[in-house]
Amino acid sequence: PPCRGHMERSAVGPKDGWPFFVAVDEWGSLLEYVVTSGAGAGDEERWEAIHRRLDALEGKVEELAGPVARVKRHVRALGVYSAGYSWVPEDYYDRPMSARAEILGCAVPQMCKTIVLENTQCTNSDCSDPENSRYYCVVLQYATKLNTDKVTKFIQSLKTGDAQLPGKKFSFRLAPEEIARDYAGFQHNAVCPFGLFNPIPVILSSAVEKLKTPYIWMGGGHVNLKLGMTVAQFKASLRPFLADLSDVRPSSELA
């Protein structure tokens, strides 16, 4: 998007009798628009045309500044050179695991999902303390299922001695969708540990270290976009907690 203060001329120009300019800031937010002309016949139609064009411009700006762009900026800033992106079909989640893996050109164990967990008994209301955070961003394989008892045991172990919290201070659940949307910045099935709205501690399932091909795929900020990278670069770029927090799914669920 143009930098702050830059003025971009729209398709409405002098030939219409209405020189028209739009200013957007570095984030693509619409700052102002200026139309200079005297009143005359057809003003109402011209204003309607201008507003239609403004709506279209705002739509394009929103797309550029949306979750996918945020993810890509973060990945690029961290220098994750192994990163790859793959758009999947609209019916991706209606297909069996094996078919999804075929689309991505990988094995089922390489496919991961990112979920936001909330500790409803947390003594904190935010994520300022990674060892006792209200929310955690958990990345685990589709070939496994989350074990919240293991999550509780791991988080509780982060503090030791007198600082360690009792078990009653932990009760993990999948965070409500509005939390994932407003706090993490992603819609359902599009959550990504990169490009988060707010810093959230990331936990990576240690099971990925056993992959024959150490390359994982996860959500990329859009329900139909997948982001892939090596396990090593995921760990080096985000510095996540590494923990045993899942159980293997029955093979019948992975067909």
Protein backbone atom coordinates (compact mmCIF):
# COMPACT_ATOMS: atom_id res chain seq x y z
CA PRO A 1 0.00 0.00 0.00
CA PRO A 2 1.15 3.59 -0.51
CA CYS A 3 2.95 5.23 2.39
CA ARG A 4 1.30 7.68 4.75
CA GLY A 5 0.41 10.91 3.02
CA HIS A 6 0.68 9.45 -0.47
CA MET A 7 -2.20 10.55 -2.70
CA GLU A 8 -3.43 8.08 -5.27
CA ARG A 9 -5.59 9.24 -8.18
CA SER A 10 -8.65 7.09 -8.76
CA ALA A 11 -10.32 6.14 -12.03
CA VAL A 12 -12.56 9.21 -11.67
CA GLY A 13 -10.52 11.94 -13.29
CA PRO A 14 -10.64 15.30 -14.99
CA LYS A 15 -12.51 13.85 -17.94
CA ASP A 16 -15.44 13.44 -15.53
CA GLY A 17 -15.05 17.00 -14.30
CA TRP A 18 -14.25 15.67 -10.83
CA PRO A 19 -10.52 15.37 -9.97
CA PHE A 20 -10.56 12.74 -7.24
CA PHE A 21 -7.81 11.69 -4.81
CA VAL A 22 -7.53 9.02 -2.12
CA ALA A 23 -5.02 8.94 0.75
CA VAL A 24 -4.10 5.73 2.54
CA ASP A 25 -1.60 5.12 5.34
CA GLU A 26 1.17 2.51 5.47
CA TRP A 27 -1.29 -0.12 6.71
CA GLY A 28 -3.67 0.50 3.85
CA SER A 29 -6.30 2.29 5.94
CA LEU A 30 -8.39 4.86 4.13
CA LEU A 31 -7.49 8.29 5.53
CA GLU A 32 -9.50 10.64 3.37
CA TYR A 33 -10.75 11.36 -0.05
CA VAL A 34 -11.06 14.74 -1.73
CA VAL A 35 -13.26 15.66 -4.66
CA THR A 36 -12.88 19.09 -6.20
CA SER A 37 -15.54 20.37 -8.53
CA GLY A 38 -18.51 22.68 -8.65
CA ALA A 39 -22.01 21.37 -8.26
CA GLY A 40 -23.85 20.50 -11.41
CA ALA A 41 -26.20 18.15 -13.16
CA GLY A 42 -25.71 14.46 -12.39
CA ASP A 43 -24.04 15.10 -9.02
CA GLU A 44 -26.01 12.35 -7.27
CA GLU A 45 -25.01 9.73 -9.84
CA ARG A 46 -21.38 10.84 -9.64
CA TRP A 47 -21.35 10.55 -5.84
CA GLU A 48 -22.83 7.06 -6.10
CA ALA A 49 -20.11 6.10 -8.58
CA ILE A 50 -17.45 7.51 -6.27
CA HIS A 51 -18.74 5.55 -3.27
CA ARG A 52 -18.86 2.36 -5.32
CA ARG A 53 -15.24 2.87 -6.27
CA LEU A 54 -14.32 3.65 -2.67
CA ASP A 55 -15.97 0.42 -1.53
CA ALA A 56 -13.97 -1.51 -4.13
CA LEU A 57 -10.75 0.21 -3.05
CA GLU A 58 -11.37 -0.54 0.64
CA GLY A 59 -12.04 -4.17 -0.26
CA LYS A 60 -8.67 -4.44 -2.01
CA VAL A 61 -6.90 -2.69 0.87
CA GLU A 62 -8.51 -5.05 3.39
CA GLU A 63 -7.35 -8.03 1.35
CA LEU A 64 -3.77 -6.72 1.26
CA ALA A 65 -3.73 -6.04 5.00
CA GLY A 66 -5.58 -9.25 5.96
CA PRO A 67 -4.45 -12.38 7.79
CA VAL A 68 -2.64 -13.98 4.83
CA ALA A 69 -0.52 -10.88 4.23
CA ARG A 70 0.19 -10.69 7.96
CA VAL A 71 1.36 -14.31 8.02
CA LYS A 72 3.59 -13.87 4.97
CA ARG A 73 5.15 -10.68 6.36
CA HIS A 74 5.98 -12.43 9.64
CA VAL A 75 7.40 -15.53 7.93
CA ARG A 76 9.50 -13.34 5.62
CA ALA A 77 10.73 -11.17 8.51
CA LEU A 78 11.90 -14.26 10.39
CA GLY A 79 13.84 -15.49 7.37
CA VAL A 80 12.06 -18.83 7.04
CA TYR A 81 13.47 -19.72 3.62
CA SER A 82 11.96 -23.23 3.66
CA ALA A 83 8.42 -21.81 3.78
CA GLY A 84 5.97 -22.84 1.08
CA TYR A 85 2.30 -22.01 0.48
CA SER A 86 -0.40 -24.15 -1.07
CA TRP A 87 -4.00 -23.19 -1.83
CA VAL A 88 -6.35 -26.13 -1.37
CA PRO A 89 -9.84 -26.81 -2.83
CA GLU A 90 -12.97 -25.46 -1.19
CA ASP A 91 -14.02 -28.99 -0.18
CA TYR A 92 -10.63 -29.77 1.40
CA TYR A 93 -12.05 -30.43 4.87
CA ASP A 94 -14.77 -32.66 3.45
CA ARG A 95 -12.13 -35.03 2.10
CA PRO A 96 -10.47 -37.88 4.05
CA MET A 97 -7.03 -37.35 5.58
CA SER A 98 -5.29 -39.37 2.89
CA ALA A 99 -6.83 -37.21 0.15
CA ARG A 100 -5.78 -34.01 1.92
CA ALA A 101 -2.22 -35.32 2.20
CA GLU A 102 -2.22 -36.12 -1.51
CA ILE A 103 -3.23 -32.53 -2.31
CA LEU A 104 -0.29 -31.22 -0.27
CA GLY A 105 2.09 -33.87 -1.58
CA CYS A 106 2.98 -35.10 1.89
CA ALA A 107 2.29 -37.91 4.36
CA VAL A 108 -0.65 -37.64 6.79
CA PRO A 109 1.64 -37.24 9.85
CA GLN A 110 3.12 -34.09 8.28
CA MET A 111 -0.23 -32.27 8.38
CA CYS A 112 -0.68 -30.12 11.47
CA LYS A 113 -3.35 -27.88 12.92
CA THR A 114 -3.02 -24.87 15.16
CA ILE A 115 -5.48 -24.38 17.99
CA VAL A 116 -5.80 -21.70 20.64
CA LEU A 117 -6.26 -23.10 24.15
CA GLU A 118 -7.59 -21.12 27.09
CA ASN A 119 -6.83 -21.85 30.72
CA THR A 120 -10.13 -20.80 32.28
CA GLN A 121 -8.63 -20.99 35.79
CA CYS A 122 -5.57 -18.92 34.94
CA THR A 123 -4.65 -16.23 37.45
CA ASN A 124 -3.70 -13.96 34.53
CA SER A 125 -5.99 -12.39 31.96
CA ASP A 126 -3.40 -12.14 29.19
CA CYS A 127 -0.25 -13.80 27.83
CA SER A 128 2.36 -11.64 29.53
CA ASP A 129 3.71 -14.63 31.49
CA PRO A 130 4.54 -17.47 29.05
CA GLU A 131 4.79 -19.89 31.97
CA ASN A 132 1.29 -19.07 33.18
CA SER A 133 -0.51 -17.68 30.15
CA ARG A 134 -4.25 -17.35 29.73
CA TYR A 135 -3.90 -18.56 26.13
CA TYR A 136 -1.55 -20.92 24.31
CA CYS A 137 -1.18 -21.51 20.60
CA VAL A 138 -0.75 -25.27 20.17
CA VAL A 139 0.54 -26.91 16.98
CA LEU A 140 -0.04 -30.66 16.71
CA GLN A 141 -0.51 -33.29 14.02
CA TYR A 142 -3.89 -34.28 12.62
CA ALA A 143 -2.66 -37.85 13.12
CA THR A 144 -2.86 -37.23 16.87
CA LYS A 145 -5.41 -35.87 19.31
CA LEU A 146 -4.83 -33.35 22.06
CA ASN A 147 -4.47 -34.63 25.61
CA THR A 148 -5.37 -31.76 27.97
CA ASP A 149 -4.02 -33.67 30.98
CA LYS A 150 -0.60 -33.68 29.32
CA VAL A 151 -0.96 -29.96 28.55
CA THR A 152 -1.78 -29.24 32.20
CA LYS A 153 1.15 -31.33 33.44
CA PHE A 154 3.56 -29.55 31.09
CA ILE A 155 2.43 -26.01 31.88
CA GLN A 156 2.41 -26.72 35.59
CA SER A 157 6.00 -27.98 35.34
CA LEU A 158 7.23 -24.66 33.89
CA LYS A 159 7.29 -23.13 37.36
CA THR A 160 9.11 -24.90 40.15
CA GLY A 161 9.43 -24.71 43.90
CA ASP A 162 7.27 -22.16 45.69
CA ALA A 163 6.30 -20.60 42.36
CA GLN A 164 4.63 -23.77 41.07
CA LEU A 165 0.85 -23.45 40.85
CA PRO A 166 -1.56 -26.09 42.18
CA GLY A 167 -3.51 -28.28 39.77
CA LYS A 168 -6.76 -26.43 40.50
CA LYS A 169 -5.32 -23.40 38.70
CA PHE A 170 -5.46 -25.25 35.36
CA SER A 171 -8.46 -26.09 33.22
CA PHE A 172 -7.78 -26.04 29.50
CA ARG A 173 -10.39 -25.79 26.79
CA LEU A 174 -10.53 -24.79 23.14
CA ALA A 175 -10.75 -21.00 23.21
CA PRO A 176 -14.04 -19.51 21.94
CA GLU A 177 -13.99 -18.53 18.26
CA GLU A 178 -14.18 -14.84 19.13
CA ILE A 179 -10.89 -15.17 21.02
CA ALA A 180 -9.19 -16.81 18.05
CA ARG A 181 -10.62 -14.08 15.82
CA ASP A 182 -10.11 -10.99 17.97
CA TYR A 183 -7.06 -11.91 20.07
CA ALA A 184 -5.14 -14.23 17.75
CA GLY A 185 -6.49 -12.65 14.55
CA PHE A 186 -7.72 -15.71 12.65
CA GLN A 187 -10.97 -17.39 11.67
CA HIS A 188 -11.82 -21.04 12.38
CA ASN A 189 -9.62 -23.49 10.42
CA ALA A 190 -7.28 -20.64 9.46
CA VAL A 191 -5.32 -20.17 12.71
CA CYS A 192 -1.57 -19.83 12.23
CA PRO A 193 1.23 -19.42 14.82
CA PHE A 194 2.77 -16.78 12.53
CA GLY A 195 1.22 -13.32 12.18
CA LEU A 196 -0.69 -13.38 15.45
CA PHE A 197 -2.50 -10.17 16.44
CA ASN A 198 -1.12 -10.48 19.97
CA PRO A 199 1.93 -12.40 21.25
CA ILE A 200 0.73 -15.84 22.38
CA PRO A 201 3.11 -18.52 23.66
CA VAL A 202 3.43 -21.34 21.11
CA ILE A 203 3.66 -25.02 22.05
CA LEU A 204 4.81 -27.48 19.39
CA SER A 205 4.00 -31.14 19.83
CA SER A 206 7.24 -33.06 20.30
CA ALA A 207 5.83 -35.86 18.13
CA VAL A 208 6.81 -33.91 14.99
CA GLU A 209 10.46 -34.57 15.79
CA LYS A 210 9.87 -38.21 14.91
CA LEU A 211 8.73 -37.48 11.34
CA LYS A 212 10.59 -39.33 8.58
CA THR A 213 10.36 -36.18 6.48
CA PRO A 214 10.84 -33.24 8.91
CA TYR A 215 8.56 -30.84 7.05
CA ILE A 216 5.13 -29.83 8.38
CA TRP A 217 2.05 -28.15 6.94
CA MET A 218 -0.31 -25.92 8.92
CA GLY A 219 -2.98 -23.26 8.43
CA GLY A 220 -1.73 -20.18 6.60
CA GLY A 221 -4.20 -17.47 7.65
CA HIS A 222 -7.02 -18.47 5.29
CA VAL A 223 -9.18 -21.57 5.47
CA ASN A 224 -7.96 -22.64 2.02
CA LEU A 225 -4.28 -21.73 2.39
CA LYS A 226 -1.67 -24.02 3.94
CA LEU A 227 1.79 -23.00 5.10
CA GLY A 228 4.66 -25.50 5.11
CA MET A 229 8.21 -25.39 6.49
CA THR A 230 10.88 -27.57 8.03
CA VAL A 231 10.50 -28.52 11.69
CA ALA A 232 13.95 -27.09 12.35
CA GLN A 233 13.03 -23.66 10.97
CA PHE A 234 9.71 -23.63 12.79
CA LYS A 235 11.59 -24.17 16.05
CA ALA A 236 14.35 -21.69 15.22
CA SER A 237 11.99 -18.91 14.13
CA LEU A 238 9.27 -19.07 16.80
CA ARG A 239 11.25 -20.66 19.65
CA PRO A 240 8.18 -22.58 20.84
CA PHE A 241 7.83 -24.75 23.90
CA LEU A 242 8.30 -28.37 22.87
CA ALA A 243 6.07 -30.82 24.72
CA ASP A 244 4.43 -34.23 24.64
CA LEU A 245 0.78 -33.17 24.59
CA SER A 246 -0.97 -35.59 22.24
CA ASP A 247 -2.01 -39.21 21.74
CA VAL A 248 -1.91 -41.18 18.48
CA ARG A 249 -5.24 -41.51 16.69
CA PRO A 250 -6.49 -44.96 15.63
CA SER A 251 -5.51 -45.75 12.04
CA SER A 252 -9.23 -46.05 11.18
CA GLU A 253 -9.55 -42.26 11.69
CA LEU A 254 -6.70 -41.50 9.29
CA ALA A 255 -7.96 -43.18 6.14
